[in-house]
Amino acid sequence: MFIHEAIKEAIDTTSTIRQKSWRECEIEFILTDPIAMCIKGKQPTFWNPTPNDLMADDWEVVE
């Protein structure tokens, strides 16, 4: 799904999102304002998406 679809679904279920290709890296995005990137075992940092991130269609909701 596209990022806007994943965000909409995640907000409804208070979940996080990630790209499927990032599963192994254990990267998830917390829908705060601004969006925070969370890597397992590290402090969250703010995320600045690239055009490729915004156009990707492999976003998923992580519950």
PDB file of N, CA and C in Angstrom:
ATOM      1  N   MET A   1       0.846  -1.174   0.000  1.00  0.00           N
ATOM      2  CA  MET A   1       0.000   0.000   0.000  1.00  0.00           C
ATOM      3  C   MET A   1       0.888   1.233   0.000  1.00  0.00           C
ATOM      4  N   PHE A   2       0.325   2.345  -0.418  1.00  0.00           N
ATOM      5  CA  PHE A   2       1.070   3.597  -0.434  1.00  0.00           C
ATOM      6  C   PHE A   2       1.109   4.191   0.978  1.00  0.00           C
ATOM      7  N   ILE A   3       2.052   5.101   1.205  1.00  0.00           N
ATOM      8  CA  ILE A   3       2.277   5.637   2.545  1.00  0.00           C
ATOM      9  C   ILE A   3       1.024   6.303   3.106  1.00  0.00           C
ATOM     10  N   HIS A   4       0.267   7.025   2.290  1.00  0.00           N
ATOM     11  CA  HIS A   4      -0.931   7.687   2.826  1.00  0.00           C
ATOM     12  C   HIS A   4      -1.980   6.673   3.266  1.00  0.00           C
ATOM     13  N   GLU A   5      -2.040   5.527   2.592  1.00  0.00           N
ATOM     14  CA  GLU A   5      -2.980   4.477   2.993  1.00  0.00           C
ATOM     15  C   GLU A   5      -2.534   3.829   4.306  1.00  0.00           C
ATOM     16  N   ALA A   6      -1.230   3.592   4.430  1.00  0.00           N
ATOM     17  CA  ALA A   6      -0.701   2.991   5.661  1.00  0.00           C
ATOM     18  C   ALA A   6      -0.885   3.927   6.845  1.00  0.00           C
ATOM     19  N   ILE A   7      -0.643   5.216   6.629  1.00  0.00           N
ATOM     20  CA  ILE A   7      -0.816   6.188   7.712  1.00  0.00           C
ATOM     21  C   ILE A   7      -2.269   6.232   8.168  1.00  0.00           C
ATOM     22  N   LYS A   8      -3.178   6.271   7.224  1.00  0.00           N
ATOM     23  CA  LYS A   8      -4.609   6.321   7.573  1.00  0.00           C
ATOM     24  C   LYS A   8      -5.005   5.106   8.409  1.00  0.00           C
ATOM     25  N   GLU A   9      -4.573   3.915   7.995  1.00  0.00           N
ATOM     26  CA  GLU A   9      -4.900   2.697   8.731  1.00  0.00           C
ATOM     27  C   GLU A   9      -4.218   2.671  10.097  1.00  0.00           C
ATOM     28  N   ALA A  10      -2.967   3.107  10.152  1.00  0.00           N
ATOM     29  CA  ALA A  10      -2.217   3.094  11.413  1.00  0.00           C
ATOM     30  C   ALA A  10      -2.796   4.058  12.433  1.00  0.00           C
ATOM     31  N   ILE A  11      -3.259   5.196  11.984  1.00  0.00           N
ATOM     32  CA  ILE A  11      -3.869   6.169  12.898  1.00  0.00           C
ATOM     33  C   ILE A  11      -5.122   5.574  13.531  1.00  0.00           C
ATOM     34  N   ASP A  12      -5.911   4.870  12.736  1.00  0.00           N
ATOM     35  CA  ASP A  12      -7.141   4.264  13.254  1.00  0.00           C
ATOM     36  C   ASP A  12      -6.868   3.182  14.295  1.00  0.00           C
ATOM     37  N   THR A  13      -5.708   2.523  14.201  1.00  0.00           N
ATOM     38  CA  THR A  13      -5.400   1.416  15.115  1.00  0.00           C
ATOM     39  C   THR A  13      -4.249   1.733  16.062  1.00  0.00           C
ATOM     40  N   THR A  14      -3.795   2.988  16.072  1.00  0.00           N
ATOM     41  CA  THR A  14      -2.636   3.432  16.861  1.00  0.00           C
ATOM     42  C   THR A  14      -1.447   2.479  16.703  1.00  0.00           C
ATOM     43  N   SER A  15      -1.104   2.213  15.448  1.00  0.00           N
ATOM     44  CA  SER A  15       0.010   1.324  15.113  1.00  0.00           C
ATOM     45  C   SER A  15       1.147   2.134  14.501  1.00  0.00           C
ATOM     46  N   THR A  16       2.232   1.452  14.152  1.00  0.00           N
ATOM     47  CA  THR A  16       3.341   2.067  13.443  1.00  0.00           C
ATOM     48  C   THR A  16       3.320   1.580  12.002  1.00  0.00           C
ATOM     49  N   ILE A  17       4.169   2.160  11.161  1.00  0.00           N
ATOM     50  CA  ILE A  17       4.255   1.740   9.766  1.00  0.00           C
ATOM     51  C   ILE A  17       5.710   1.479   9.400  1.00  0.00           C
ATOM     52  N   ARG A  18       5.917   0.747   8.304  1.00  0.00           N
ATOM     53  CA  ARG A  18       7.255   0.528   7.759  1.00  0.00           C
ATOM     54  C   ARG A  18       7.114   0.063   6.318  1.00  0.00           C
ATOM     55  N   GLN A  19       8.226   0.129   5.613  1.00  0.00           N
ATOM     56  CA  GLN A  19       8.263  -0.461   4.286  1.00  0.00           C
ATOM     57  C   GLN A  19       8.610  -1.935   4.449  1.00  0.00           C
ATOM     58  N   LYS A  20       7.991  -2.788   3.655  1.00  0.00           N
ATOM     59  CA  LYS A  20       8.237  -4.227   3.754  1.00  0.00           C
ATOM     60  C   LYS A  20       9.714  -4.548   3.610  1.00  0.00           C
ATOM     61  N   SER A  21      10.412  -3.807   2.778  1.00  0.00           N
ATOM     62  CA  SER A  21      11.834  -4.062   2.555  1.00  0.00           C
ATOM     63  C   SER A  21      12.689  -3.733   3.777  1.00  0.00           C
ATOM     64  N   TRP A  22      12.111  -3.056   4.786  1.00  0.00           N
ATOM     65  CA  TRP A  22      12.861  -2.686   5.984  1.00  0.00           C
ATOM     66  C   TRP A  22      12.599  -3.620   7.161  1.00  0.00           C
ATOM     67  N   ARG A  23      11.892  -4.715   6.958  1.00  0.00           N
ATOM     68  CA  ARG A  23      11.586  -5.646   8.054  1.00  0.00           C
ATOM     69  C   ARG A  23      12.862  -6.137   8.737  1.00  0.00           C
ATOM     70  N   GLU A  24      13.843  -6.547   7.947  1.00  0.00           N
ATOM     71  CA  GLU A  24      15.078  -7.095   8.511  1.00  0.00           C
ATOM     72  C   GLU A  24      15.859  -6.064   9.312  1.00  0.00           C
ATOM     73  N   CYS A  25      15.743  -4.793   8.951  1.00  0.00           N
ATOM     74  CA  CYS A  25      16.454  -3.724   9.654  1.00  0.00           C
ATOM     75  C   CYS A  25      15.750  -3.331  10.947  1.00  0.00           C
ATOM     76  N   GLU A  26      14.521  -3.808  11.118  1.00  0.00           N
ATOM     77  CA  GLU A  26      13.688  -3.502  12.283  1.00  0.00           C
ATOM     78  C   GLU A  26      13.482  -2.002  12.441  1.00  0.00           C
ATOM     79  N   ILE A  27      13.178  -1.352  11.308  1.00  0.00           N
ATOM     80  CA  ILE A  27      12.868   0.077  11.297  1.00  0.00           C
ATOM     81  C   ILE A  27      11.355   0.232  11.229  1.00  0.00           C
ATOM     82  N   GLU A  28      10.815   1.073  12.111  1.00  0.00           N
ATOM     83  CA  GLU A  28       9.391   1.403  12.098  1.00  0.00           C
ATOM     84  C   GLU A  28       9.249   2.903  12.272  1.00  0.00           C
ATOM     85  N   PHE A  29       8.112   3.427  11.851  1.00  0.00           N
ATOM     86  CA  PHE A  29       7.854   4.852  11.949  1.00  0.00           C
ATOM     87  C   PHE A  29       6.686   5.090  12.890  1.00  0.00           C
ATOM     88  N   ILE A  30       6.916   5.961  13.854  1.00  0.00           N
ATOM     89  CA  ILE A  30       5.903   6.332  14.835  1.00  0.00           C
ATOM     90  C   ILE A  30       5.224   7.598  14.326  1.00  0.00           C
ATOM     91  N   LEU A  31       3.912   7.597  14.283  1.00  0.00           N
ATOM     92  CA  LEU A  31       3.170   8.706  13.692  1.00  0.00           C
ATOM     93  C   LEU A  31       2.981   9.844  14.680  1.00  0.00           C
ATOM     94  N   THR A  32       4.090  10.491  14.991  1.00  0.00           N
ATOM     95  CA  THR A  32       4.080  11.699  15.803  1.00  0.00           C
ATOM     96  C   THR A  32       4.193  12.881  14.859  1.00  0.00           C
ATOM     97  N   ASP A  33       4.248  14.070  15.386  1.00  0.00           N
ATOM     98  CA  ASP A  33       4.402  15.250  14.549  1.00  0.00           C
ATOM     99  C   ASP A  33       5.674  15.980  14.948  1.00  0.00           C
ATOM    100  N   PRO A  34       6.769  15.883  14.222  1.00  0.00           N
ATOM    101  CA  PRO A  34       6.996  15.164  12.971  1.00  0.00           C
ATOM    102  C   PRO A  34       7.129  13.659  13.198  1.00  0.00           C
ATOM    103  N   ILE A  35       7.091  12.911  12.112  1.00  0.00           N
ATOM    104  CA  ILE A  35       7.176  11.444  12.173  1.00  0.00           C
ATOM    105  C   ILE A  35       8.545  11.034  12.715  1.00  0.00           C
ATOM    106  N   ALA A  36       8.549  10.084  13.634  1.00  0.00           N
ATOM    107  CA  ALA A  36       9.791   9.600  14.237  1.00  0.00           C
ATOM    108  C   ALA A  36      10.151   8.233  13.669  1.00  0.00           C
ATOM    109  N   MET A  37      11.433   8.042  13.373  1.00  0.00           N
ATOM    110  CA  MET A  37      11.936   6.763  12.901  1.00  0.00           C
ATOM    111  C   MET A  37      12.524   6.027  14.097  1.00  0.00           C
ATOM    112  N   CYS A  38      12.104   4.795  14.277  1.00  0.00           N
ATOM    113  CA  CYS A  38      12.541   4.008  15.420  1.00  0.00           C
ATOM    114  C   CYS A  38      13.260   2.757  14.916  1.00  0.00           C
ATOM    115  N   ILE A  39      14.526   2.617  15.303  1.00  0.00           N
ATOM    116  CA  ILE A  39      15.314   1.433  14.978  1.00  0.00           C
ATOM    117  C   ILE A  39      15.514   0.669  16.274  1.00  0.00           C
ATOM    118  N   LYS A  40      15.254  -0.632  16.257  1.00  0.00           N
ATOM    119  CA  LYS A  40      15.297  -1.437  17.473  1.00  0.00           C
ATOM    120  C   LYS A  40      16.607  -1.200  18.237  1.00  0.00           C
ATOM    121  N   GLY A  41      16.467  -0.892  19.512  1.00  0.00           N
ATOM    122  CA  GLY A  41      17.607  -0.701  20.393  1.00  0.00           C
ATOM    123  C   GLY A  41      18.210   0.691  20.369  1.00  0.00           C
ATOM    124  N   LYS A  42      17.635   1.610  19.599  1.00  0.00           N
ATOM    125  CA  LYS A  42      18.170   2.969  19.514  1.00  0.00           C
ATOM    126  C   LYS A  42      17.080   3.983  19.818  1.00  0.00           C
ATOM    127  N   GLN A  43      17.485   5.197  20.153  1.00  0.00           N
ATOM    128  CA  GLN A  43      16.542   6.275  20.418  1.00  0.00           C
ATOM    129  C   GLN A  43      15.851   6.692  19.115  1.00  0.00           C
ATOM    130  N   PRO A  44      14.564   7.013  19.171  1.00  0.00           N
ATOM    131  CA  PRO A  44      13.875   7.495  17.965  1.00  0.00           C
ATOM    132  C   PRO A  44      14.503   8.798  17.463  1.00  0.00           C
ATOM    133  N   THR A  45      14.516   8.969  16.155  1.00  0.00           N
ATOM    134  CA  THR A  45      14.975  10.205  15.528  1.00  0.00           C
ATOM    135  C   THR A  45      13.892  10.672  14.563  1.00  0.00           C
ATOM    136  N   PHE A  46      13.934  11.934  14.214  1.00  0.00           N
ATOM    137  CA  PHE A  46      12.952  12.443  13.270  1.00  0.00           C
ATOM    138  C   PHE A  46      13.337  12.037  11.862  1.00  0.00           C
ATOM    139  N   TRP A  47      12.341  11.820  11.029  1.00  0.00           N
ATOM    140  CA  TRP A  47      12.531  11.261   9.698  1.00  0.00           C
ATOM    141  C   TRP A  47      12.246  12.299   8.629  1.00  0.00           C
ATOM    142  N   ASN A  48      13.120  12.364   7.656  1.00  0.00           N
ATOM    143  CA  ASN A  48      12.939  13.232   6.494  1.00  0.00           C
ATOM    144  C   ASN A  48      12.818  12.316   5.278  1.00  0.00           C
ATOM    145  N   PRO A  49      11.596  12.011   4.817  1.00  0.00           N
ATOM    146  CA  PRO A  49      11.414  11.040   3.737  1.00  0.00           C
ATOM    147  C   PRO A  49      11.982  11.532   2.407  1.00  0.00           C
ATOM    148  N   THR A  50      12.456  10.590   1.628  1.00  0.00           N
ATOM    149  CA  THR A  50      12.933  10.883   0.281  1.00  0.00           C
ATOM    150  C   THR A  50      11.760  10.770  -0.699  1.00  0.00           C
ATOM    151  N   PRO A  51      11.903  11.290  -1.905  1.00  0.00           N
ATOM    152  CA  PRO A  51      10.841  11.097  -2.895  1.00  0.00           C
ATOM    153  C   PRO A  51      10.549   9.611  -3.126  1.00  0.00           C
ATOM    154  N   ASN A  52      11.572   8.770  -3.127  1.00  0.00           N
ATOM    155  CA  ASN A  52      11.351   7.324  -3.302  1.00  0.00           C
ATOM    156  C   ASN A  52      10.528   6.740  -2.158  1.00  0.00           C
ATOM    157  N   ASP A  53      10.769   7.206  -0.927  1.00  0.00           N
ATOM    158  CA  ASP A  53       9.964   6.747   0.218  1.00  0.00           C
ATOM    159  C   ASP A  53       8.495   7.103   0.008  1.00  0.00           C
ATOM    160  N   LEU A  54       8.242   8.309  -0.460  1.00  0.00           N
ATOM    161  CA  LEU A  54       6.870   8.779  -0.621  1.00  0.00           C
ATOM    162  C   LEU A  54       6.145   8.110  -1.785  1.00  0.00           C
ATOM    163  N   MET A  55       6.884   7.652  -2.785  1.00  0.00           N
ATOM    164  CA  MET A  55       6.261   7.011  -3.946  1.00  0.00           C
ATOM    165  C   MET A  55       6.187   5.489  -3.822  1.00  0.00           C
ATOM    166  N   ALA A  56       6.867   4.907  -2.831  1.00  0.00           N
ATOM    167  CA  ALA A  56       6.887   3.447  -2.670  1.00  0.00           C
ATOM    168  C   ALA A  56       5.487   2.903  -2.415  1.00  0.00           C
ATOM    169  N   ASP A  57       5.236   1.700  -2.892  1.00  0.00           N
ATOM    170  CA  ASP A  57       3.928   1.075  -2.680  1.00  0.00           C
ATOM    171  C   ASP A  57       4.015  -0.172  -1.810  1.00  0.00           C
ATOM    172  N   ASP A  58       5.104  -0.270  -1.021  1.00  0.00           N
ATOM    173  CA  ASP A  58       5.278  -1.449  -0.171  1.00  0.00           C
ATOM    174  C   ASP A  58       5.197  -1.113   1.319  1.00  0.00           C
ATOM    175  N   TRP A  59       4.429  -0.087   1.665  1.00  0.00           N
ATOM    176  CA  TRP A  59       4.242   0.272   3.071  1.00  0.00           C
ATOM    177  C   TRP A  59       3.259  -0.690   3.725  1.00  0.00           C
ATOM    178  N   GLU A  60       3.493  -0.950   5.012  1.00  0.00           N
ATOM    179  CA  GLU A  60       2.588  -1.838   5.761  1.00  0.00           C
ATOM    180  C   GLU A  60       2.419  -1.300   7.167  1.00  0.00           C
ATOM    181  N   VAL A  61       1.327  -1.679   7.780  1.00  0.00           N
ATOM    182  CA  VAL A  61       1.022  -1.331   9.165  1.00  0.00           C
ATOM    183  C   VAL A  61       1.584  -2.413  10.071  1.00  0.00           C
ATOM    184  N   VAL A  62       2.249  -1.991  11.149  1.00  0.00           N
ATOM    185  CA  VAL A  62       2.823  -2.919  12.129  1.00  0.00           C
ATOM    186  C   VAL A  62       2.020  -2.771  13.411  1.00  0.00           C
ATOM    187  N   GLU A  63       1.356  -3.822  13.814  1.00  0.00           N
ATOM    188  CA  GLU A  63       0.518  -3.736  15.021  1.00  0.00           C
ATOM    189  C   GLU A  63       1.222  -4.309  16.226  1.00  0.00           C
TER     190      GLU A  63
END
